[in-house]
Amino acid sequence: MGSLLNRLRGVAPRALGGAFLASGVLHFAAPRPFEAIMPRRLPAHRAFVYGSGAVELACGIGLLTRQRWAGPASAALLLAVWPANVQMALDSGSGRLPGPADNRCLAWARVPLQIPLIWAALQSEPRACGEHRRS
């Protein structure tokens, strides 16, 4: 079990980094779906979408290159966008959201998914050669 967890700790930040890169690009290429899930009380949805996309790109690169700042920054980003995931879940099934985001099961599944994603981000600390984490 320990070696599986260690392998997961090594892979998880890289997988999250790749997901952040893909999502970051989508924030710029197709911003409307991201705007639709934002809490309506926030102003300037497009600016928030572009800003979070830029941060996702930076965090993705940081995670993939194992920068010390990338794990905590990625965890903070995931916490910052959690309200949009909750808003998406609350709005799901109403017809307000485009495509799969309007599916209640998918939308509500995304809310607790933030927890393992935050865990994955926090596994990204660079380690010295031969150093092993303890469970």
Protein backbone atom coordinates (compact mmCIF):
# COMPACT_ATOMS: atom_id res chain seq x y z
CA MET A 1 0.00 0.00 0.00
CA GLY A 2 2.85 2.37 0.85
CA SER A 3 4.53 2.06 -2.54
CA LEU A 4 1.20 2.61 -4.32
CA LEU A 5 0.63 5.76 -2.27
CA ASN A 6 4.16 6.95 -3.04
CA ARG A 7 3.60 6.38 -6.77
CA LEU A 8 0.29 8.23 -6.57
CA ARG A 9 2.00 11.11 -4.78
CA GLY A 10 4.48 11.33 -7.64
CA VAL A 11 1.91 11.12 -10.44
CA ALA A 12 -0.91 13.20 -8.94
CA PRO A 13 0.75 16.63 -9.21
CA ARG A 14 1.81 15.97 -12.79
CA ALA A 15 -1.70 14.84 -13.74
CA LEU A 16 -3.14 17.94 -12.09
CA GLY A 17 -0.56 20.08 -13.89
CA GLY A 18 -1.67 18.66 -17.24
CA ALA A 19 -5.33 19.20 -16.35
CA PHE A 20 -4.58 22.80 -15.36
CA LEU A 21 -2.83 23.44 -18.68
CA ALA A 22 -5.79 22.08 -20.65
CA SER A 23 -8.34 23.94 -18.56
CA GLY A 24 -6.29 27.15 -18.66
CA VAL A 25 -6.27 27.08 -22.45
CA LEU A 26 -10.04 26.48 -22.48
CA HIS A 27 -10.57 29.55 -20.26
CA PHE A 28 -9.25 31.65 -23.15
CA ALA A 29 -10.51 29.62 -26.11
CA ALA A 30 -14.07 29.13 -24.82
CA PRO A 31 -14.76 31.42 -21.84
CA ARG A 32 -18.59 31.32 -21.93
CA PRO A 33 -19.08 27.97 -20.14
CA PHE A 34 -16.82 29.21 -17.34
CA GLU A 35 -18.73 32.48 -17.09
CA ALA A 36 -22.01 30.55 -16.82
CA ILE A 37 -20.91 28.71 -13.66
CA MET A 38 -19.66 31.76 -11.78
CA PRO A 39 -21.63 33.04 -8.81
CA ARG A 40 -23.92 35.71 -10.24
CA ARG A 41 -23.05 38.22 -7.50
CA LEU A 42 -19.47 38.49 -8.76
CA PRO A 43 -18.87 41.28 -11.28
CA ALA A 44 -16.75 41.10 -14.42
CA HIS A 45 -17.14 37.39 -15.11
CA ARG A 46 -14.93 37.47 -18.21
CA ALA A 47 -12.08 39.11 -16.28
CA PHE A 48 -12.33 36.43 -13.57
CA VAL A 49 -12.37 33.68 -16.21
CA TYR A 50 -9.28 35.06 -17.92
CA GLY A 51 -7.53 35.64 -14.60
CA SER A 52 -8.23 32.14 -13.32
CA GLY A 53 -7.18 30.73 -16.70
CA ALA A 54 -3.85 32.53 -16.48
CA VAL A 55 -3.32 31.26 -12.94
CA GLU A 56 -4.21 27.71 -14.04
CA LEU A 57 -1.61 27.93 -16.81
CA ALA A 58 1.04 29.20 -14.39
CA CYS A 59 0.18 26.55 -11.79
CA GLY A 60 0.15 23.82 -14.44
CA ILE A 61 3.65 24.77 -15.55
CA GLY A 62 4.77 25.06 -11.93
CA LEU A 63 3.42 21.62 -11.03
CA LEU A 64 4.97 20.00 -14.09
CA THR A 65 8.37 21.55 -13.34
CA ARG A 66 8.02 20.87 -9.59
CA GLN A 67 8.37 24.46 -8.46
CA ARG A 68 8.13 24.88 -4.69
CA TRP A 69 5.38 27.54 -4.93
CA ALA A 70 3.17 25.52 -7.29
CA GLY A 71 1.58 23.17 -4.76
CA PRO A 72 0.34 25.83 -2.33
CA ALA A 73 -0.66 28.14 -5.20
CA SER A 74 -2.58 25.33 -6.91
CA ALA A 75 -4.37 24.43 -3.67
CA ALA A 76 -5.30 28.10 -3.19
CA LEU A 77 -6.59 28.27 -6.77
CA LEU A 78 -8.73 25.17 -6.25
CA LEU A 79 -10.19 26.73 -3.10
CA ALA A 80 -10.83 30.00 -4.93
CA VAL A 81 -12.78 28.33 -7.75
CA TRP A 82 -14.78 26.06 -5.43
CA PRO A 83 -17.68 28.57 -5.25
CA ALA A 84 -18.05 28.32 -9.04
CA ASN A 85 -18.33 24.54 -8.72
CA VAL A 86 -20.99 24.95 -6.04
CA GLN A 87 -22.85 27.48 -8.23
CA MET A 88 -22.67 25.04 -11.14
CA ALA A 89 -24.15 22.30 -8.95
CA LEU A 90 -26.93 24.58 -7.69
CA ASP A 91 -27.81 25.66 -11.23
CA SER A 92 -27.54 22.19 -12.77
CA GLY A 93 -30.70 20.83 -14.32
CA SER A 94 -32.13 24.32 -14.79
CA GLY A 95 -31.16 24.68 -18.45
CA ARG A 96 -29.01 27.72 -17.55
CA LEU A 97 -25.73 25.86 -18.07
CA PRO A 98 -24.29 24.66 -21.37
CA GLY A 99 -23.76 20.97 -22.17
CA PRO A 100 -22.61 18.49 -19.51
CA ALA A 101 -22.46 21.21 -16.84
CA ASP A 102 -26.28 21.07 -16.74
CA ASN A 103 -26.20 17.43 -15.59
CA ARG A 104 -26.98 17.30 -11.85
CA CYS A 105 -24.94 14.14 -11.17
CA LEU A 106 -21.83 15.47 -12.91
CA ALA A 107 -22.16 18.92 -11.39
CA TRP A 108 -22.59 17.67 -7.82
CA ALA A 109 -19.76 15.12 -8.26
CA ARG A 110 -17.43 18.00 -9.07
CA VAL A 111 -17.93 19.67 -5.68
CA PRO A 112 -16.22 17.00 -3.50
CA LEU A 113 -13.69 16.33 -6.28
CA GLN A 114 -11.90 19.49 -5.16
CA ILE A 115 -10.66 17.65 -2.05
CA PRO A 116 -8.51 15.04 -3.84
CA LEU A 117 -7.39 17.71 -6.31
CA ILE A 118 -6.16 19.86 -3.41
CA TRP A 119 -4.39 16.78 -2.01
CA ALA A 120 -2.77 16.22 -5.42
CA ALA A 121 -1.56 19.82 -5.52
CA LEU A 122 0.00 19.53 -2.10
CA GLN A 123 2.01 16.46 -3.14
CA SER A 124 4.11 18.58 -5.48
CA GLU A 125 6.87 19.60 -3.09
CA PRO A 126 10.25 19.01 -4.66
CA ARG A 127 12.14 16.28 -2.81
CA ALA A 128 15.84 15.68 -2.50
CA CYS A 129 17.20 12.59 -4.25
CA GLY A 130 16.50 9.48 -2.23
CA GLU A 131 14.21 11.26 0.23
CA HIS A 132 10.92 9.48 0.89
CA ARG A 133 7.76 10.92 2.40
CA ARG A 134 6.19 9.22 5.34
CA SER A 135 2.47 8.45 5.34
